[in-house]
Each structure stands twice: as C-alpha cells, then as structure tokens.
C-alpha cells in the first residue's frame, strides 16, 4: 500500500493478484495512512471479509475460490483498490459491482479485471 505507484496515486502494489486457495496474502502499509479491507459486495458467497487497521500489517489466508475486492478505506474515493483472484476464476460475477463504487475505483477495477483472461 503506497502513496505513489506506476498506476497513480494511492495504490496497492500489485493491484491484481492471482493465487490458489489456501495461499496467504500479506498487506504492508509501505507508506503510512493505509489499510486493507474487503468490500462487502465483492466477495465469494458465504465468505466473511477482513478489515485491517490503519498502518497495520496483516496476513490473510484465502481458502474460497472467487474474486475478492479490496480497498483502503481512507482512500477508496481516490481509487485505492485491488483485486485478488483465488483459483481458476475467469469471469466477474453479476453481483460483483452492486453497491456504491466510486468512479476512480471503478476505473482501476476495470483495468485489474482485464487480467482474468
């Protein structure tokens, strides 16, 4: 989680991650003032989300196949989001973009999701 990246200001690096079920993801606030938390409408069915505190390094094990949308709560409106694809998921669920997603976040999600194929 950084203030500046190749993709612009306020970004996760990497912005897209493909892992296998059971893999661990570590979120590190390389720059202060960031956290990582799931977006409630962007989780596989039945999965409980996670929410790290500001400046907290967290490790999460993702066991369920599917797409996980992650945001930095303080910088969500600035488009600070990432996508984690767990397993062989290749399509975006119809319900993935339900709820309020800021315009800048949508632009980044659209870019990230081109990596599914």
C-alpha atoms as a PDB file:
ATOM      1  CA  UNK A   1       0.000   0.000   0.000  1.00  0.00           C
ATOM      2  CA  UNK A   2       1.739   3.103  -1.272  1.00  0.00           C
ATOM      3  CA  UNK A   3       1.100   6.785  -1.907  1.00  0.00           C
ATOM      4  CA  UNK A   4       2.565   6.679  -5.424  1.00  0.00           C
ATOM      5  CA  UNK A   5       2.806   3.850  -7.924  1.00  0.00           C
ATOM      6  CA  UNK A   6       3.060   3.320 -11.647  1.00  0.00           C
ATOM      7  CA  UNK A   7      -0.750   3.206 -11.742  1.00  0.00           C
ATOM      8  CA  UNK A   8      -1.069   6.593  -9.996  1.00  0.00           C
ATOM      9  CA  UNK A   9      -1.538   7.972  -6.525  1.00  0.00           C
ATOM     10  CA  UNK A  10      -2.828   5.858  -3.636  1.00  0.00           C
ATOM     11  CA  UNK A  11      -2.391   2.305  -4.863  1.00  0.00           C
ATOM     12  CA  UNK A  12      -1.947  -1.312  -3.921  1.00  0.00           C
ATOM     13  CA  UNK A  13       1.101  -2.998  -5.399  1.00  0.00           C
ATOM     14  CA  UNK A  14       0.385  -5.300  -7.035  1.00  0.00           C
ATOM     15  CA  UNK A  15      -3.112  -4.119  -7.951  1.00  0.00           C
ATOM     16  CA  UNK A  16      -4.110  -7.578  -9.221  1.00  0.00           C
ATOM     17  CA  UNK A  17      -3.075 -10.847  -7.651  1.00  0.00           C
ATOM     18  CA  UNK A  18      -3.899 -14.425  -8.697  1.00  0.00           C
ATOM     19  CA  UNK A  19      -3.379 -17.048  -6.006  1.00  0.00           C
ATOM     20  CA  UNK A  20      -4.507 -20.580  -5.199  1.00  0.00           C
ATOM     21  CA  UNK A  21      -6.995 -21.483  -2.441  1.00  0.00           C
ATOM     22  CA  UNK A  22      -5.172 -21.677   0.888  1.00  0.00           C
ATOM     23  CA  UNK A  23      -2.495 -19.141  -0.084  1.00  0.00           C
ATOM     24  CA  UNK A  24      -1.599 -16.304   2.266  1.00  0.00           C
ATOM     25  CA  UNK A  25      -1.612 -12.640   1.253  1.00  0.00           C
ATOM     26  CA  UNK A  26       0.317 -10.075   3.285  1.00  0.00           C
ATOM     27  CA  UNK A  27      -0.706  -6.424   3.232  1.00  0.00           C
ATOM     28  CA  UNK A  28       2.028  -3.961   4.208  1.00  0.00           C
ATOM     29  CA  UNK A  29       1.470  -0.214   4.553  1.00  0.00           C
ATOM     30  CA  UNK A  30       4.752   0.866   2.955  1.00  0.00           C
ATOM     31  CA  UNK A  31       3.518   4.436   3.331  1.00  0.00           C
ATOM     32  CA  UNK A  32       1.581   5.462   6.422  1.00  0.00           C
ATOM     33  CA  UNK A  33      -2.157   6.085   6.493  1.00  0.00           C
ATOM     34  CA  UNK A  34      -3.392   2.973   4.672  1.00  0.00           C
ATOM     35  CA  UNK A  35      -5.314  -0.180   5.494  1.00  0.00           C
ATOM     36  CA  UNK A  36      -6.640  -3.184   3.600  1.00  0.00           C
ATOM     37  CA  UNK A  37     -10.218  -4.359   3.900  1.00  0.00           C
ATOM     38  CA  UNK A  38     -12.643  -6.258   1.731  1.00  0.00           C
ATOM     39  CA  UNK A  39     -15.594  -4.658   0.003  1.00  0.00           C
ATOM     40  CA  UNK A  40     -18.743  -6.405   1.245  1.00  0.00           C
ATOM     41  CA  UNK A  41     -20.321  -6.850  -2.210  1.00  0.00           C
ATOM     42  CA  UNK A  42     -17.069  -8.092  -3.760  1.00  0.00           C
ATOM     43  CA  UNK A  43     -16.585 -11.432  -2.041  1.00  0.00           C
ATOM     44  CA  UNK A  44     -17.413 -15.023  -2.937  1.00  0.00           C
ATOM     45  CA  UNK A  45     -20.743 -16.174  -1.482  1.00  0.00           C
ATOM     46  CA  UNK A  46     -20.568 -17.071   2.196  1.00  0.00           C
ATOM     47  CA  UNK A  47     -17.104 -15.587   2.757  1.00  0.00           C
ATOM     48  CA  UNK A  48     -16.542 -13.319   5.742  1.00  0.00           C
ATOM     49  CA  UNK A  49     -14.486 -10.254   4.914  1.00  0.00           C
ATOM     50  CA  UNK A  50     -11.475  -8.807   6.691  1.00  0.00           C
ATOM     51  CA  UNK A  51     -10.508  -5.301   7.791  1.00  0.00           C
ATOM     52  CA  UNK A  52      -7.042  -4.277   8.873  1.00  0.00           C
ATOM     53  CA  UNK A  53      -6.441  -1.187  10.972  1.00  0.00           C
ATOM     54  CA  UNK A  54      -4.666   1.884   9.615  1.00  0.00           C
ATOM     55  CA  UNK A  55      -0.908   1.196   9.290  1.00  0.00           C
ATOM     56  CA  UNK A  56      -1.416  -2.439  10.329  1.00  0.00           C
ATOM     57  CA  UNK A  57       0.422  -5.213   8.508  1.00  0.00           C
ATOM     58  CA  UNK A  58      -1.968  -8.133   8.130  1.00  0.00           C
ATOM     59  CA  UNK A  59      -1.804 -11.633   6.682  1.00  0.00           C
ATOM     60  CA  UNK A  60      -4.922 -13.253   5.291  1.00  0.00           C
ATOM     61  CA  UNK A  61      -5.425 -16.845   4.154  1.00  0.00           C
ATOM     62  CA  UNK A  62      -7.951 -17.051   1.322  1.00  0.00           C
ATOM     63  CA  UNK A  63      -9.479 -20.525   1.094  1.00  0.00           C
ATOM     64  CA  UNK A  64     -12.515 -19.978  -1.126  1.00  0.00           C
ATOM     65  CA  UNK A  65     -12.198 -19.675  -4.903  1.00  0.00           C
ATOM     66  CA  UNK A  66     -13.506 -16.446  -6.406  1.00  0.00           C
ATOM     67  CA  UNK A  67     -12.874 -12.728  -6.703  1.00  0.00           C
ATOM     68  CA  UNK A  68     -12.088 -10.521  -3.726  1.00  0.00           C
ATOM     69  CA  UNK A  69     -12.329  -6.740  -3.992  1.00  0.00           C
ATOM     70  CA  UNK A  70     -10.065  -4.951  -1.510  1.00  0.00           C
ATOM     71  CA  UNK A  71      -9.948  -1.253  -0.621  1.00  0.00           C
ATOM     72  CA  UNK A  72      -8.043   1.164   1.530  1.00  0.00           C
ATOM     73  CA  UNK A  73     -10.900   2.713   3.486  1.00  0.00           C
ATOM     74  CA  UNK A  74      -9.426   6.240   3.781  1.00  0.00           C
ATOM     75  CA  UNK A  75      -8.555   6.347   0.066  1.00  0.00           C
ATOM     76  CA  UNK A  76     -11.414   4.377  -1.523  1.00  0.00           C
ATOM     77  CA  UNK A  77     -12.819   7.513  -3.190  1.00  0.00           C
ATOM     78  CA  UNK A  78      -9.372   8.118  -4.710  1.00  0.00           C
ATOM     79  CA  UNK A  79      -9.482   4.668  -6.310  1.00  0.00           C
ATOM     80  CA  UNK A  80      -7.209   2.770  -3.920  1.00  0.00           C
ATOM     81  CA  UNK A  81      -8.449  -0.755  -4.651  1.00  0.00           C
ATOM     82  CA  UNK A  82      -7.112  -4.129  -5.692  1.00  0.00           C
ATOM     83  CA  UNK A  83      -8.485  -7.422  -6.968  1.00  0.00           C
ATOM     84  CA  UNK A  84      -7.468 -10.861  -5.756  1.00  0.00           C
ATOM     85  CA  UNK A  85      -8.469 -13.815  -7.938  1.00  0.00           C
ATOM     86  CA  UNK A  86      -8.382 -17.063  -5.978  1.00  0.00           C
ATOM     87  CA  UNK A  87      -8.233 -20.235  -8.048  1.00  0.00           C
ATOM     88  CA  UNK A  88      -9.330 -20.609 -11.652  1.00  0.00           C
ATOM     89  CA  UNK A  89     -11.973 -17.876 -11.612  1.00  0.00           C
ATOM     90  CA  UNK A  90     -12.237 -16.315 -15.084  1.00  0.00           C
ATOM     91  CA  UNK A  91     -15.499 -14.347 -15.001  1.00  0.00           C
ATOM     92  CA  UNK A  92     -16.804 -11.471 -12.936  1.00  0.00           C
ATOM     93  CA  UNK A  93     -19.978 -12.409 -11.014  1.00  0.00           C
ATOM     94  CA  UNK A  94     -23.105 -10.443 -11.974  1.00  0.00           C
ATOM     95  CA  UNK A  95     -23.397  -9.097  -8.425  1.00  0.00           C
ATOM     96  CA  UNK A  96     -19.743  -8.018  -8.133  1.00  0.00           C
ATOM     97  CA  UNK A  97     -20.366  -4.307  -8.707  1.00  0.00           C
ATOM     98  CA  UNK A  98     -23.505  -3.954  -6.585  1.00  0.00           C
ATOM     99  CA  UNK A  99     -23.387  -1.132  -4.101  1.00  0.00           C
ATOM    100  CA  UNK A 100     -21.583   2.187  -4.234  1.00  0.00           C
ATOM    101  CA  UNK A 101     -18.237   2.049  -6.015  1.00  0.00           C
ATOM    102  CA  UNK A 102     -16.503   5.427  -6.530  1.00  0.00           C
ATOM    103  CA  UNK A 103     -15.733   6.374 -10.134  1.00  0.00           C
ATOM    104  CA  UNK A 104     -11.935   6.246  -9.713  1.00  0.00           C
ATOM    105  CA  UNK A 105     -12.201   2.837  -8.063  1.00  0.00           C
ATOM    106  CA  UNK A 106     -14.311   1.544 -10.976  1.00  0.00           C
ATOM    107  CA  UNK A 107     -11.660   2.673 -13.465  1.00  0.00           C
ATOM    108  CA  UNK A 108      -8.988   0.743 -11.571  1.00  0.00           C
ATOM    109  CA  UNK A 109     -11.197  -2.334 -11.114  1.00  0.00           C
ATOM    110  CA  UNK A 110     -11.897  -2.365 -14.863  1.00  0.00           C
ATOM    111  CA  UNK A 111      -8.156  -2.314 -15.558  1.00  0.00           C
ATOM    112  CA  UNK A 112      -7.421  -5.003 -12.968  1.00  0.00           C
ATOM    113  CA  UNK A 113     -10.128  -7.333 -14.229  1.00  0.00           C
ATOM    114  CA  UNK A 114      -8.600  -7.450 -17.713  1.00  0.00           C
ATOM    115  CA  UNK A 115      -6.070  -9.813 -16.076  1.00  0.00           C
ATOM    116  CA  UNK A 116      -8.708 -12.524 -15.574  1.00  0.00           C
ATOM    117  CA  UNK A 117      -8.320 -13.924 -19.071  1.00  0.00           C
END
